Amino acid sequence: MLLYGNKEKDCHMQTQITNIRTLGALIKEARKSQTLTQEDLAGITLTGRRFIVDLENGKETAEIGKVLQVLNALGIALTASATWKD
């Protein structure tokens, strides 16, 4: 589950992420809602623009550490829910 919160806009939503394309779309939506360019986000997260482009397009092999940096910078909290546990 991802929780997205923007400090300027009190927008809290929960989205179930079942694949990398859905995650990429959420990241793109959050970036645009904060009026950031891909270049801006790359600079803030110390990644490259190519990484942001690939991530937003659902690249399967995106490095998890960098993905977490991007989520954090955008105010997106990542949580896990185990449905197999009682």
PDB file of N, CA and C in Angstrom:
ATOM      1  N   MET A   1       0.844  -1.162   0.000  1.00  0.00           N
ATOM      2  CA  MET A   1       0.000   0.000   0.000  1.00  0.00           C
ATOM      3  C   MET A   1       0.895   1.233   0.000  1.00  0.00           C
ATOM      4  N   LEU A   2       0.532   2.232  -0.742  1.00  0.00           N
ATOM      5  CA  LEU A   2       1.272   3.482  -0.766  1.00  0.00           C
ATOM      6  C   LEU A   2       0.364   4.592  -0.281  1.00  0.00           C
ATOM      7  N   LEU A   3       0.875   5.393   0.581  1.00  0.00           N
ATOM      8  CA  LEU A   3       0.159   6.567   1.047  1.00  0.00           C
ATOM      9  C   LEU A   3       0.865   7.778   0.495  1.00  0.00           C
ATOM     10  N   TYR A   4       0.127   8.646  -0.126  1.00  0.00           N
ATOM     11  CA  TYR A   4       0.712   9.817  -0.752  1.00  0.00           C
ATOM     12  C   TYR A   4       0.218  11.046  -0.035  1.00  0.00           C
ATOM     13  N   GLY A   5       1.126  11.846   0.473  1.00  0.00           N
ATOM     14  CA  GLY A   5       0.756  13.076   1.143  1.00  0.00           C
ATOM     15  C   GLY A   5       1.634  14.218   0.697  1.00  0.00           C
ATOM     16  N   ASN A   6       1.024  15.300   0.308  1.00  0.00           N
ATOM     17  CA  ASN A   6       1.746  16.488  -0.114  1.00  0.00           C
ATOM     18  C   ASN A   6       1.562  17.538   0.963  1.00  0.00           C
ATOM     19  N   LYS A   7       2.643  18.146   1.404  1.00  0.00           N
ATOM     20  CA  LYS A   7       2.555  19.121   2.481  1.00  0.00           C
ATOM     21  C   LYS A   7       1.698  20.321   2.117  1.00  0.00           C
ATOM     22  N   GLU A   8       1.757  20.752   0.854  1.00  0.00           N
ATOM     23  CA  GLU A   8       0.990  21.920   0.446  1.00  0.00           C
ATOM     24  C   GLU A   8      -0.469  21.576   0.194  1.00  0.00           C
ATOM     25  N   LYS A   9      -0.712  20.420  -0.365  1.00  0.00           N
ATOM     26  CA  LYS A   9      -2.070  19.954  -0.606  1.00  0.00           C
ATOM     27  C   LYS A   9      -2.279  18.770   0.311  1.00  0.00           C
ATOM     28  N   ASP A  10      -3.284  18.842   1.155  1.00  0.00           N
ATOM     29  CA  ASP A  10      -3.538  17.733   2.058  1.00  0.00           C
ATOM     30  C   ASP A  10      -4.268  16.644   1.294  1.00  0.00           C
ATOM     31  N   CYS A  11      -3.517  15.845   0.592  1.00  0.00           N
ATOM     32  CA  CYS A  11      -4.104  14.843  -0.286  1.00  0.00           C
ATOM     33  C   CYS A  11      -3.586  13.483   0.141  1.00  0.00           C
ATOM     34  N   HIS A  12      -4.407  12.756   0.850  1.00  0.00           N
ATOM     35  CA  HIS A  12      -4.019  11.431   1.307  1.00  0.00           C
ATOM     36  C   HIS A  12      -4.855  10.409   0.563  1.00  0.00           C
ATOM     37  N   MET A  13      -4.179   9.478  -0.043  1.00  0.00           N
ATOM     38  CA  MET A  13      -4.885   8.415  -0.739  1.00  0.00           C
ATOM     39  C   MET A  13      -4.119   7.122  -0.560  1.00  0.00           C
ATOM     40  N   GLN A  14      -4.825   6.034  -0.677  1.00  0.00           N
ATOM     41  CA  GLN A  14      -4.198   4.727  -0.613  1.00  0.00           C
ATOM     42  C   GLN A  14      -4.357   4.067  -1.969  1.00  0.00           C
ATOM     43  N   THR A  15      -3.273   3.519  -2.456  1.00  0.00           N
ATOM     44  CA  THR A  15      -3.280   2.856  -3.742  1.00  0.00           C
ATOM     45  C   THR A  15      -2.604   1.502  -3.603  1.00  0.00           C
ATOM     46  N   GLN A  16      -3.261   0.468  -4.034  1.00  0.00           N
ATOM     47  CA  GLN A  16      -2.632  -0.844  -4.021  1.00  0.00           C
ATOM     48  C   GLN A  16      -1.753  -0.963  -5.260  1.00  0.00           C
ATOM     49  N   ILE A  17      -0.491  -1.268  -5.047  1.00  0.00           N
ATOM     50  CA  ILE A  17       0.470  -1.396  -6.136  1.00  0.00           C
ATOM     51  C   ILE A  17       0.682  -2.878  -6.398  1.00  0.00           C
ATOM     52  N   THR A  18       0.324  -3.308  -7.601  1.00  0.00           N
ATOM     53  CA  THR A  18       0.473  -4.720  -7.955  1.00  0.00           C
ATOM     54  C   THR A  18       1.545  -4.944  -9.014  1.00  0.00           C
ATOM     55  N   ASN A  19       2.053  -3.838  -9.590  1.00  0.00           N
ATOM     56  CA  ASN A  19       3.122  -3.971 -10.586  1.00  0.00           C
ATOM     57  C   ASN A  19       3.882  -2.651 -10.686  1.00  0.00           C
ATOM     58  N   ILE A  20       5.015  -2.703 -11.342  1.00  0.00           N
ATOM     59  CA  ILE A  20       5.894  -1.539 -11.432  1.00  0.00           C
ATOM     60  C   ILE A  20       5.286  -0.424 -12.278  1.00  0.00           C
ATOM     61  N   ARG A  21       4.452  -0.767 -13.237  1.00  0.00           N
ATOM     62  CA  ARG A  21       3.804   0.276 -14.061  1.00  0.00           C
ATOM     63  C   ARG A  21       2.870   1.137 -13.220  1.00  0.00           C
ATOM     64  N   THR A  22       2.139   0.505 -12.309  1.00  0.00           N
ATOM     65  CA  THR A  22       1.246   1.249 -11.416  1.00  0.00           C
ATOM     66  C   THR A  22       2.057   2.168 -10.506  1.00  0.00           C
ATOM     67  N   LEU A  23       3.172   1.667  -9.995  1.00  0.00           N
ATOM     68  CA  LEU A  23       4.050   2.485  -9.160  1.00  0.00           C
ATOM     69  C   LEU A  23       4.600   3.658  -9.952  1.00  0.00           C
ATOM     70  N   GLY A  24       5.033   3.409 -11.172  1.00  0.00           N
ATOM     71  CA  GLY A  24       5.560   4.470 -12.025  1.00  0.00           C
ATOM     72  C   GLY A  24       4.527   5.548 -12.295  1.00  0.00           C
ATOM     73  N   ALA A  25       3.296   5.134 -12.547  1.00  0.00           N
ATOM     74  CA  ALA A  25       2.216   6.091 -12.798  1.00  0.00           C
ATOM     75  C   ALA A  25       1.937   6.941 -11.566  1.00  0.00           C
ATOM     76  N   LEU A  26       1.979   6.321 -10.382  1.00  0.00           N
ATOM     77  CA  LEU A  26       1.769   7.064  -9.139  1.00  0.00           C
ATOM     78  C   LEU A  26       2.882   8.091  -8.926  1.00  0.00           C
ATOM     79  N   ILE A  27       4.108   7.681  -9.188  1.00  0.00           N
ATOM     80  CA  ILE A  27       5.249   8.587  -9.039  1.00  0.00           C
ATOM     81  C   ILE A  27       5.118   9.769  -9.994  1.00  0.00           C
ATOM     82  N   LYS A  28       4.745   9.487 -11.221  1.00  0.00           N
ATOM     83  CA  LYS A  28       4.574  10.554 -12.210  1.00  0.00           C
ATOM     84  C   LYS A  28       3.470  11.524 -11.790  1.00  0.00           C
ATOM     85  N   GLU A  29       2.352  10.977 -11.315  1.00  0.00           N
ATOM     86  CA  GLU A  29       1.236  11.817 -10.850  1.00  0.00           C
ATOM     87  C   GLU A  29       1.663  12.698  -9.679  1.00  0.00           C
ATOM     88  N   ALA A  30       2.375  12.118  -8.729  1.00  0.00           N
ATOM     89  CA  ALA A  30       2.839  12.875  -7.562  1.00  0.00           C
ATOM     90  C   ALA A  30       3.829  13.964  -7.973  1.00  0.00           C
ATOM     91  N   ARG A  31       4.735  13.630  -8.869  1.00  0.00           N
ATOM     92  CA  ARG A  31       5.719  14.622  -9.346  1.00  0.00           C
ATOM     93  C   ARG A  31       5.026  15.796 -10.018  1.00  0.00           C
ATOM     94  N   LYS A  32       4.105  15.491 -10.904  1.00  0.00           N
ATOM     95  CA  LYS A  32       3.404  16.556 -11.624  1.00  0.00           C
ATOM     96  C   LYS A  32       2.535  17.398 -10.700  1.00  0.00           C
ATOM     97  N   SER A  33       1.903  16.773  -9.713  1.00  0.00           N
ATOM     98  CA  SER A  33       1.054  17.529  -8.790  1.00  0.00           C
ATOM     99  C   SER A  33       1.869  18.489  -7.933  1.00  0.00           C
ATOM    100  N   GLN A  34       3.164  18.201  -7.807  1.00  0.00           N
ATOM    101  CA  GLN A  34       4.059  19.076  -7.052  1.00  0.00           C
ATOM    102  C   GLN A  34       4.845  19.998  -7.987  1.00  0.00           C
ATOM    103  N   THR A  35       4.409  20.059  -9.222  1.00  0.00           N
ATOM    104  CA  THR A  35       5.010  20.885 -10.281  1.00  0.00           C
ATOM    105  C   THR A  35       6.528  20.727 -10.386  1.00  0.00           C
ATOM    106  N   LEU A  36       6.955  19.476 -10.315  1.00  0.00           N
ATOM    107  CA  LEU A  36       8.372  19.162 -10.484  1.00  0.00           C
ATOM    108  C   LEU A  36       8.585  18.572 -11.864  1.00  0.00           C
ATOM    109  N   THR A  37       9.683  18.935 -12.483  1.00  0.00           N
ATOM    110  CA  THR A  37      10.061  18.284 -13.735  1.00  0.00           C
ATOM    111  C   THR A  37      10.822  17.002 -13.388  1.00  0.00           C
ATOM    112  N   GLN A  38      11.022  16.167 -14.372  1.00  0.00           N
ATOM    113  CA  GLN A  38      11.830  14.968 -14.149  1.00  0.00           C
ATOM    114  C   GLN A  38      13.245  15.363 -13.744  1.00  0.00           C
ATOM    115  N   GLU A  39      13.746  16.411 -14.338  1.00  0.00           N
ATOM    116  CA  GLU A  39      15.084  16.914 -14.002  1.00  0.00           C
ATOM    117  C   GLU A  39      15.134  17.393 -12.545  1.00  0.00           C
ATOM    118  N   ASP A  40      14.089  18.111 -12.110  1.00  0.00           N
ATOM    119  CA  ASP A  40      14.014  18.571 -10.710  1.00  0.00           C
ATOM    120  C   ASP A  40      14.066  17.384  -9.752  1.00  0.00           C
ATOM    121  N   LEU A  41      13.227  16.389 -10.027  1.00  0.00           N
ATOM    122  CA  LEU A  41      13.154  15.226  -9.144  1.00  0.00           C
ATOM    123  C   LEU A  41      14.478  14.460  -9.134  1.00  0.00           C
ATOM    124  N   ALA A  42      15.096  14.348 -10.274  1.00  0.00           N
ATOM    125  CA  ALA A  42      16.399  13.680 -10.342  1.00  0.00           C
ATOM    126  C   ALA A  42      17.424  14.416  -9.480  1.00  0.00           C
ATOM    127  N   GLY A  43      17.410  15.739  -9.528  1.00  0.00           N
ATOM    128  CA  GLY A  43      18.340  16.522  -8.725  1.00  0.00           C
ATOM    129  C   GLY A  43      18.083  16.386  -7.232  1.00  0.00           C
ATOM    130  N   ILE A  44      16.828  16.425  -6.845  1.00  0.00           N
ATOM    131  CA  ILE A  44      16.446  16.309  -5.434  1.00  0.00           C
ATOM    132  C   ILE A  44      16.858  14.944  -4.876  1.00  0.00           C
ATOM    133  N   THR A  45      16.724  13.910  -5.682  1.00  0.00           N
ATOM    134  CA  THR A  45      16.975  12.544  -5.213  1.00  0.00           C
ATOM    135  C   THR A  45      18.379  12.024  -5.535  1.00  0.00           C
ATOM    136  N   LEU A  46      19.191  12.874  -6.129  1.00  0.00           N
ATOM    137  CA  LEU A  46      20.559  12.501  -6.506  1.00  0.00           C
ATOM    138  C   LEU A  46      20.580  11.272  -7.418  1.00  0.00           C
ATOM    139  N   THR A  47      19.605  11.231  -8.304  1.00  0.00           N
ATOM    140  CA  THR A  47      19.562  10.199  -9.331  1.00  0.00           C
ATOM    141  C   THR A  47      19.713  10.914 -10.666  1.00  0.00           C
ATOM    142  N   GLY A  48      19.512  10.231 -11.741  1.00  0.00           N
ATOM    143  CA  GLY A  48      19.573  10.864 -13.053  1.00  0.00           C
ATOM    144  C   GLY A  48      18.188  10.975 -13.668  1.00  0.00           C
ATOM    145  N   ARG A  49      18.063  11.866 -14.633  1.00  0.00           N
ATOM    146  CA  ARG A  49      16.785  12.014 -15.321  1.00  0.00           C
ATOM    147  C   ARG A  49      16.378  10.705 -15.992  1.00  0.00           C
ATOM    148  N   ARG A  50      17.348  10.003 -16.558  1.00  0.00           N
ATOM    149  CA  ARG A  50      17.067   8.718 -17.212  1.00  0.00           C
ATOM    150  C   ARG A  50      16.425   7.738 -16.228  1.00  0.00           C
ATOM    151  N   PHE A  51      16.917   7.734 -14.971  1.00  0.00           N
ATOM    152  CA  PHE A  51      16.339   6.849 -13.953  1.00  0.00           C
ATOM    153  C   PHE A  51      14.878   7.207 -13.703  1.00  0.00           C
ATOM    154  N   ILE A  52      14.584   8.497 -13.598  1.00  0.00           N
ATOM    155  CA  ILE A  52      13.204   8.948 -13.354  1.00  0.00           C
ATOM    156  C   ILE A  52      12.313   8.567 -14.530  1.00  0.00           C
ATOM    157  N   VAL A  53      12.788   8.785 -15.737  1.00  0.00           N
ATOM    158  CA  VAL A  53      12.021   8.414 -16.935  1.00  0.00           C
ATOM    159  C   VAL A  53      11.723   6.916 -16.926  1.00  0.00           C
ATOM    160  N   ASP A  54      12.756   6.113 -16.687  1.00  0.00           N
ATOM    161  CA  ASP A  54      12.580   4.664 -16.665  1.00  0.00           C
ATOM    162  C   ASP A  54      11.614   4.232 -15.561  1.00  0.00           C
ATOM    163  N   LEU A  55      11.750   4.817 -14.391  1.00  0.00           N
ATOM    164  CA  LEU A  55      10.888   4.480 -13.265  1.00  0.00           C
ATOM    165  C   LEU A  55       9.431   4.817 -13.573  1.00  0.00           C
ATOM    166  N   GLU A  56       9.187   6.003 -14.096  1.00  0.00           N
ATOM    167  CA  GLU A  56       7.823   6.407 -14.431  1.00  0.00           C
ATOM    168  C   GLU A  56       7.224   5.536 -15.542  1.00  0.00           C
ATOM    169  N   ASN A  57       8.078   4.959 -16.364  1.00  0.00           N
ATOM    170  CA  ASN A  57       7.614   4.086 -17.440  1.00  0.00           C
ATOM    171  C   ASN A  57       7.544   2.611 -17.027  1.00  0.00           C
ATOM    172  N   GLY A  58       7.810   2.346 -15.749  1.00  0.00           N
ATOM    173  CA  GLY A  58       7.640   0.996 -15.230  1.00  0.00           C
ATOM    174  C   GLY A  58       8.784   0.041 -15.477  1.00  0.00           C
ATOM    175  N   LYS A  59      10.011   0.540 -15.497  1.00  0.00           N
ATOM    176  CA  LYS A  59      11.169  -0.344 -15.715  1.00  0.00           C
ATOM    177  C   LYS A  59      11.267  -1.358 -14.575  1.00  0.00           C
ATOM    178  N   GLU A  60      11.239  -2.615 -14.943  1.00  0.00           N
ATOM    179  CA  GLU A  60      11.217  -3.720 -13.972  1.00  0.00           C
ATOM    180  C   GLU A  60      12.477  -3.807 -13.110  1.00  0.00           C
ATOM    181  N   THR A  61      13.608  -3.345 -13.631  1.00  0.00           N
ATOM    182  CA  THR A  61      14.876  -3.531 -12.923  1.00  0.00           C
ATOM    183  C   THR A  61      15.335  -2.275 -12.179  1.00  0.00           C
ATOM    184  N   ALA A  62      14.425  -1.360 -11.891  1.00  0.00           N
ATOM    185  CA  ALA A  62      14.794  -0.142 -11.159  1.00  0.00           C
ATOM    186  C   ALA A  62      15.354  -0.509  -9.786  1.00  0.00           C
ATOM    187  N   GLU A  63      16.450   0.134  -9.425  1.00  0.00           N
ATOM    188  CA  GLU A  63      17.118  -0.150  -8.148  1.00  0.00           C
ATOM    189  C   GLU A  63      16.241   0.277  -6.980  1.00  0.00           C
ATOM    190  N   ILE A  64      15.947  -0.660  -6.077  1.00  0.00           N
ATOM    191  CA  ILE A  64      14.992  -0.413  -4.994  1.00  0.00           C
ATOM    192  C   ILE A  64      15.428   0.737  -4.076  1.00  0.00           C
ATOM    193  N   GLY A  65      16.705   0.860  -3.813  1.00  0.00           N
ATOM    194  CA  GLY A  65      17.181   1.947  -2.956  1.00  0.00           C
ATOM    195  C   GLY A  65      16.864   3.309  -3.557  1.00  0.00           C
ATOM    196  N   LYS A  66      17.064   3.440  -4.851  1.00  0.00           N
ATOM    197  CA  LYS A  66      16.762   4.696  -5.535  1.00  0.00           C
ATOM    198  C   LYS A  66      15.257   4.929  -5.604  1.00  0.00           C
ATOM    199  N   VAL A  67      14.500   3.850  -5.801  1.00  0.00           N
ATOM    200  CA  VAL A  67      13.042   3.975  -5.822  1.00  0.00           C
ATOM    201  C   VAL A  67      12.561   4.524  -4.482  1.00  0.00           C
ATOM    202  N   LEU A  68      13.101   4.017  -3.397  1.00  0.00           N
ATOM    203  CA  LEU A  68      12.717   4.494  -2.065  1.00  0.00           C
ATOM    204  C   LEU A  68      13.096   5.961  -1.865  1.00  0.00           C
ATOM    205  N   GLN A  69      14.229   6.385  -2.400  1.00  0.00           N
ATOM    206  CA  GLN A  69      14.624   7.801  -2.330  1.00  0.00           C
ATOM    207  C   GLN A  69      13.592   8.672  -3.032  1.00  0.00           C
ATOM    208  N   VAL A  70      13.159   8.245  -4.198  1.00  0.00           N
ATOM    209  CA  VAL A  70      12.176   9.003  -4.979  1.00  0.00           C
ATOM    210  C   VAL A  70      10.852   9.074  -4.221  1.00  0.00           C
ATOM    211  N   LEU A  71      10.395   7.930  -3.706  1.00  0.00           N
ATOM    212  CA  LEU A  71       9.140   7.911  -2.956  1.00  0.00           C
ATOM    213  C   LEU A  71       9.210   8.855  -1.763  1.00  0.00           C
ATOM    214  N   ASN A  72      10.290   8.801  -1.035  1.00  0.00           N
ATOM    215  CA  ASN A  72      10.473   9.660   0.134  1.00  0.00           C
ATOM    216  C   ASN A  72      10.449  11.136  -0.250  1.00  0.00           C
ATOM    217  N   ALA A  73      11.147  11.479  -1.311  1.00  0.00           N
ATOM    218  CA  ALA A  73      11.209  12.879  -1.754  1.00  0.00           C
ATOM    219  C   ALA A  73       9.830  13.406  -2.154  1.00  0.00           C
ATOM    220  N   LEU A  74       8.978  12.533  -2.665  1.00  0.00           N
ATOM    221  CA  LEU A  74       7.650  12.944  -3.104  1.00  0.00           C
ATOM    222  C   LEU A  74       6.606  12.871  -1.986  1.00  0.00           C
ATOM    223  N   GLY A  75       7.016  12.396  -0.813  1.00  0.00           N
ATOM    224  CA  GLY A  75       6.074  12.283   0.298  1.00  0.00           C
ATOM    225  C   GLY A  75       5.195  11.059   0.201  1.00  0.00           C
ATOM    226  N   ILE A  76       5.703  10.020  -0.433  1.00  0.00           N
ATOM    227  CA  ILE A  76       4.948   8.775  -0.579  1.00  0.00           C
ATOM    228  C   ILE A  76       5.523   7.753   0.394  1.00  0.00           C
ATOM    229  N   ALA A  77       4.671   7.235   1.273  1.00  0.00           N
ATOM    230  CA  ALA A  77       5.101   6.223   2.241  1.00  0.00           C
ATOM    231  C   ALA A  77       4.760   4.844   1.702  1.00  0.00           C
ATOM    232  N   LEU A  78       5.693   3.952   1.781  1.00  0.00           N
ATOM    233  CA  LEU A  78       5.504   2.583   1.322  1.00  0.00           C
ATOM    234  C   LEU A  78       5.275   1.692   2.536  1.00  0.00           C
ATOM    235  N   THR A  79       4.185   0.943   2.529  1.00  0.00           N
ATOM    236  CA  THR A  79       3.924  -0.015   3.598  1.00  0.00           C
ATOM    237  C   THR A  79       3.618  -1.365   2.979  1.00  0.00           C
ATOM    238  N   ALA A  80       3.854  -2.415   3.734  1.00  0.00           N
ATOM    239  CA  ALA A  80       3.579  -3.757   3.253  1.00  0.00           C
ATOM    240  C   ALA A  80       2.527  -4.403   4.146  1.00  0.00           C
ATOM    241  N   SER A  81       1.693  -5.183   3.540  1.00  0.00           N
ATOM    242  CA  SER A  81       0.657  -5.908   4.266  1.00  0.00           C
ATOM    243  C   SER A  81       0.759  -7.379   3.895  1.00  0.00           C
ATOM    244  N   ALA A  82       0.928  -8.216   4.890  1.00  0.00           N
ATOM    245  CA  ALA A  82       1.068  -9.656   4.647  1.00  0.00           C
ATOM    246  C   ALA A  82      -0.306 -10.318   4.764  1.00  0.00           C
ATOM    247  N   THR A  83      -0.826 -10.772   3.653  1.00  0.00           N
ATOM    248  CA  THR A  83      -2.133 -11.422   3.676  1.00  0.00           C
ATOM    249  C   THR A  83      -2.036 -12.899   4.038  1.00  0.00           C
ATOM    250  N   TRP A  84      -0.865 -13.444   4.022  1.00  0.00           N
ATOM    251  CA  TRP A  84      -0.676 -14.859   4.338  1.00  0.00           C
ATOM    252  C   TRP A  84      -0.505 -15.120   5.818  1.00  0.00           C
ATOM    253  N   LYS A  85      -0.375 -14.068   6.633  1.00  0.00           N
ATOM    254  CA  LYS A  85      -0.219 -14.234   8.071  1.00  0.00           C
ATOM    255  C   LYS A  85      -1.570 -14.156   8.760  1.00  0.00           C
ATOM    256  N   ASP A  86      -1.723 -14.942   9.820  1.00  0.00           N
ATOM    257  CA  ASP A  86      -2.974 -14.902  10.604  1.00  0.00           C
ATOM    258  C   ASP A  86      -2.954 -13.751  11.574  1.00  0.00           C
TER     259      ASP A  86
END
